[in-house]
Protein backbone atom coordinates (compact mmCIF):
# COMPACT_ATOMS: atom_id res chain seq x y z
CA UNK A 1 114.02 163.70 99.06
CA UNK A 2 115.10 164.60 102.64
CA UNK A 3 116.28 168.21 103.16
CA UNK A 4 119.37 168.74 105.29
CA UNK A 5 120.91 171.92 106.94
CA UNK A 6 124.61 171.66 107.38
CA UNK A 7 125.99 174.18 109.97
CA UNK A 8 129.72 174.14 109.75
CA UNK A 9 132.19 177.02 109.79
CA UNK A 10 135.07 175.16 108.06
CA UNK A 11 134.53 175.77 104.33
CA UNK A 12 136.45 172.65 103.29
CA UNK A 13 134.45 170.38 105.58
CA UNK A 14 131.18 172.08 104.67
CA UNK A 15 131.81 171.69 100.89
CA UNK A 16 132.72 168.03 101.32
CA UNK A 17 129.47 167.37 103.32
CA UNK A 18 127.40 169.21 100.76
CA UNK A 19 128.89 167.34 97.90
CA UNK A 20 128.42 163.88 99.54
CA UNK A 21 124.85 164.68 100.78
CA UNK A 22 123.80 166.14 97.38
CA UNK A 23 125.17 163.12 95.76
CA UNK A 24 123.04 160.88 97.97
CA UNK A 25 119.85 162.72 96.64
CA UNK A 26 119.48 165.12 99.67
CA UNK A 27 118.38 168.64 99.28
CA UNK A 28 121.26 170.55 101.11
CA UNK A 29 121.50 174.07 102.38
CA UNK A 30 124.37 175.36 104.58
CA UNK A 31 125.31 177.93 107.18
CA UNK A 32 128.67 179.00 108.54
CA UNK A 33 127.45 180.75 111.74
CA UNK A 34 124.85 180.19 114.36
CA UNK A 35 122.89 183.21 113.33
CA UNK A 36 122.77 182.14 109.70
CA UNK A 37 121.54 178.68 110.94
CA UNK A 38 118.73 180.21 112.92
CA UNK A 39 117.69 182.29 109.92
CA UNK A 40 117.70 179.15 107.76
CA UNK A 41 115.60 177.08 110.14
CA UNK A 42 113.13 180.03 110.55
CA UNK A 43 112.70 180.32 106.74
CA UNK A 44 112.86 176.68 105.55
CA UNK A 45 111.49 173.27 106.67
CA UNK A 46 114.31 170.77 107.06
CA UNK A 47 114.20 167.09 107.84
CA UNK A 48 117.47 167.07 109.82
CA UNK A 49 120.16 169.49 110.89
CA UNK A 50 123.86 168.64 111.23
CA UNK A 51 125.22 171.06 113.75
CA UNK A 52 128.98 171.66 114.41
CA UNK A 53 129.70 172.93 117.87
CA UNK A 54 132.74 175.05 117.02
CA UNK A 55 130.94 178.08 115.50
CA UNK A 56 132.49 181.47 115.38
CA UNK A 57 129.68 183.56 116.79
CA UNK A 58 127.79 181.38 119.38
CA UNK A 59 128.70 178.30 121.33
CA UNK A 60 127.19 175.27 119.63
CA UNK A 61 125.35 174.19 122.81
CA UNK A 62 123.72 177.58 123.01
CA UNK A 63 122.79 177.44 119.32
CA UNK A 64 121.13 174.01 120.03
CA UNK A 65 118.98 175.49 122.86
CA UNK A 66 118.03 178.39 120.56
CA UNK A 67 117.09 176.06 117.69
CA UNK A 68 114.88 174.01 120.15
CA UNK A 69 112.87 177.18 120.96
CA UNK A 70 111.80 177.46 117.32
CA UNK A 71 111.76 173.87 115.83
CA UNK A 72 111.51 170.22 116.60
CA UNK A 73 113.68 169.24 113.61
CA UNK A 74 115.97 166.37 114.35
CA UNK A 75 119.54 167.67 115.17
CA UNK A 76 122.76 165.64 114.92
CA UNK A 77 125.68 167.20 116.71
CA UNK A 78 129.19 167.11 115.13
CA UNK A 79 131.68 167.69 117.86
CA UNK A 80 135.38 167.24 118.67
CA UNK A 81 134.39 166.76 122.30
CA UNK A 82 134.25 163.17 123.45
CA UNK A 83 133.59 163.99 127.09
CA UNK A 84 130.63 161.87 128.26
CA UNK A 85 129.05 164.45 130.55
CA UNK A 86 129.18 167.13 127.80
CA UNK A 87 127.52 164.73 125.25
CA UNK A 88 124.80 163.74 127.82
CA UNK A 89 124.08 167.43 128.37
CA UNK A 90 123.80 168.01 124.62
CA UNK A 91 121.32 165.09 124.40
CA UNK A 92 119.43 166.45 127.35
CA UNK A 93 119.33 169.91 125.61
CA UNK A 94 117.51 168.37 122.62
CA UNK A 95 120.10 166.75 120.32
CA UNK A 96 118.86 163.63 118.72
CA UNK A 97 122.30 162.05 118.03
CA UNK A 98 125.96 163.01 117.82
CA UNK A 99 129.16 162.16 115.99
CA UNK A 100 132.71 162.80 117.23
CA UNK A 101 135.11 164.29 114.76
CA UNK A 102 136.75 163.13 112.63
CA UNK A 103 134.00 160.88 111.14
CA UNK A 104 133.36 159.42 107.71
CA UNK A 105 130.50 160.60 105.45
CA UNK A 106 129.30 156.99 105.46
CA UNK A 107 128.93 157.19 109.24
CA UNK A 108 127.08 160.45 109.05
CA UNK A 109 124.75 158.99 106.39
CA UNK A 110 123.97 156.00 108.62
CA UNK A 111 123.25 158.22 111.55
CA UNK A 112 121.07 160.51 109.45
CA UNK A 113 119.17 157.46 108.17
CA UNK A 114 118.51 156.24 111.62
CA UNK A 115 117.26 159.70 112.91
CA UNK A 116 114.96 160.04 109.90
CA UNK A 117 113.57 156.61 110.40
CA UNK A 118 112.78 157.61 114.03
CA UNK A 119 111.24 160.86 112.92
CA UNK A 120 109.03 159.29 110.14
CA UNK A 121 107.94 156.58 112.63
CA UNK A 122 106.76 159.21 115.01
CA UNK A 123 105.02 161.19 112.28
CA UNK A 124 103.18 158.07 111.10
CA UNK A 125 102.02 157.09 114.66
CA UNK A 126 98.40 157.50 115.51
CA UNK A 127 97.46 161.19 115.93
CA UNK A 128 97.31 162.23 119.62
CA UNK A 129 93.97 163.39 121.00
CA UNK A 130 93.51 167.18 120.43
CA UNK A 131 93.39 167.88 124.08
CA UNK A 132 94.38 165.83 127.13
CA UNK A 133 92.76 166.69 130.52
CA UNK A 134 93.84 165.31 133.88
CA UNK A 135 92.07 167.14 136.70
CA UNK A 136 92.77 170.80 136.30
CA UNK A 137 95.66 170.12 133.95
CA UNK A 138 95.02 170.60 130.16
CA UNK A 139 97.65 169.53 127.55
CA UNK A 140 97.26 170.27 123.80
CA UNK A 141 99.72 168.10 121.98
CA UNK A 142 99.08 169.63 118.58
CA UNK A 143 99.45 173.28 119.62
CA UNK A 144 102.09 172.35 122.29
CA UNK A 145 100.27 174.30 125.02
CA UNK A 146 99.59 173.37 128.56
CA UNK A 147 97.53 174.95 131.24
CA UNK A 148 97.02 174.39 134.97
CA UNK A 149 93.60 175.53 136.42
CA UNK A 150 93.36 177.88 133.36
CA UNK A 151 96.86 179.31 133.78
CA UNK A 152 99.30 178.81 130.90
CA UNK A 153 102.44 176.85 131.78
CA UNK A 154 105.83 178.01 130.50
CA UNK A 155 107.51 174.67 129.65
CA UNK A 156 110.55 173.84 127.82
CA UNK A 157 110.47 171.32 124.86
CA UNK A 158 111.38 168.36 127.05
CA UNK A 159 109.19 169.40 129.91
CA UNK A 160 106.22 169.60 127.60
CA UNK A 161 107.05 166.24 125.91
CA UNK A 162 107.44 164.64 129.30
CA UNK A 163 104.07 166.03 130.63
CA UNK A 164 102.21 165.16 127.46
CA UNK A 165 103.57 161.56 127.46
CA UNK A 166 102.35 161.03 131.01
CA UNK A 167 99.09 162.96 130.60
CA UNK A 168 98.24 160.50 127.72
CA UNK A 169 98.59 157.70 130.30
CA UNK A 170 96.87 158.99 133.42
CA UNK A 171 97.28 156.66 136.45
CA UNK A 172 99.76 154.36 134.69
CA UNK A 173 103.14 153.96 136.35
CA UNK A 174 105.86 154.50 133.64
CA UNK A 175 109.42 153.22 134.38
CA UNK A 176 112.12 155.82 134.02
CA UNK A 177 113.96 153.88 131.27
CA UNK A 178 110.71 153.93 129.12
CA UNK A 179 110.53 157.71 129.68
CA UNK A 180 114.17 158.00 128.58
CA UNK A 181 113.45 155.82 125.49
CA UNK A 182 110.08 157.36 124.48
CA UNK A 183 110.60 161.09 125.39
CA UNK A 184 114.33 161.50 124.91
CA UNK A 185 114.56 158.89 122.10
CA UNK A 186 117.52 157.26 123.99
CA UNK A 187 117.93 153.61 124.68
CA UNK A 188 120.79 154.39 127.04
CA UNK A 189 121.62 157.14 129.52
CA UNK A 190 121.39 158.32 133.03
CA UNK A 191 117.94 158.01 134.63
CA UNK A 192 118.81 161.04 136.63
CA UNK A 193 118.01 163.02 133.52
CA UNK A 194 114.37 162.02 134.00
CA UNK A 195 114.45 162.95 137.72
CA UNK A 196 115.91 166.42 136.92
CA UNK A 197 113.18 167.19 134.45
CA UNK A 198 110.51 165.76 136.66
CA UNK A 199 111.81 168.10 139.46
CA UNK A 200 111.58 171.11 137.10
CA UNK A 201 108.12 170.12 135.92
CA UNK A 202 106.93 169.71 139.56
CA UNK A 203 107.98 173.31 140.34
CA UNK A 204 105.95 174.52 137.47
CA UNK A 205 102.98 172.57 138.52
CA UNK A 206 103.29 174.10 142.08
CA UNK A 207 104.18 170.92 143.91
CA UNK A 208 107.19 169.02 145.21
CA UNK A 209 108.29 165.39 145.49
CA UNK A 210 107.44 165.42 149.19
CA UNK A 211 104.08 167.02 148.53
CA UNK A 212 102.89 165.83 145.10
CA UNK A 213 99.56 166.74 143.50
CA UNK A 214 99.90 165.37 139.91
CA UNK A 215 103.29 163.69 139.66
CA UNK A 216 103.72 160.65 141.87
CA UNK A 217 106.89 158.70 142.13
CA UNK A 218 106.92 155.04 143.21
CA UNK A 219 110.44 154.44 144.44
CA UNK A 220 112.23 151.86 142.40
CA UNK A 221 109.32 151.56 139.94
CA UNK A 222 108.48 154.62 138.00
CA UNK A 223 106.32 157.77 137.86
CA UNK A 224 102.63 158.42 137.15
CA UNK A 225 100.45 161.48 136.55
CA UNK A 226 96.92 161.48 137.91
CA UNK A 227 94.57 164.18 139.27
CA UNK A 228 94.60 165.34 142.91
CA UNK A 229 92.28 163.47 145.30
CA UNK A 230 92.41 160.04 143.72
CA UNK A 231 92.69 157.08 146.07
CA UNK A 232 96.43 156.37 146.53
CA UNK A 233 96.25 153.22 148.46
CA UNK A 234 96.77 151.28 145.19
CA UNK A 235 99.91 151.94 143.08
CA UNK A 236 97.92 151.79 139.81
CA UNK A 237 98.84 149.69 136.78
CA UNK A 238 102.44 149.38 135.74
CA UNK A 239 103.41 150.17 132.19
CA UNK A 240 106.10 147.70 131.21
CA UNK A 241 109.43 149.17 130.13
CA UNK A 242 110.89 148.68 126.66
């Protein structure tokens, strides 16, 4: 029985969502403010969060970023904003899906089912190795910790996911669209999202696109992670895109 947290300040809308989701055999808890939502997530384990952006105490986008610091639970954004740039930013900040208000409860149910299928598929995948090592880089997917030459790296959720995905495939060139699909769980979007996160990750690894050590971009092809000093006369195997 999936558990859902509904974060919505409108009492009428919140009650309707709770009634519908409870009738669909979901375990439902609710919050009317961002701070209440953060307390709920810290105290209970949810399968999915439905997050309204128009909260009275904190901006919904800020709430999303705070949620991502404490949990990886799938988040579906409920918003009145249909601006593409704003929606892309929310997805980049860690949202798993979104709905533009007004929407039907049937539409919400379908989106929730899709998000839960993806989440269960990921949970049922083969367990990653306990520790990934590429040169002086160490990545622990289970503890979600990374070190470079023994020094802890302070990474955001997306930066860690991107690094772990590439570290599990050392020397393999991965197309940007595959990274978007596998790391961001998006089958569409702007590939510049990947480039921006790669740039941030490079800075934390102490390198740049012009002087790479671990992250190497093949223009028009993709990116690969490999230890410093490897022979770069060959581009390495290409991982086909999805």
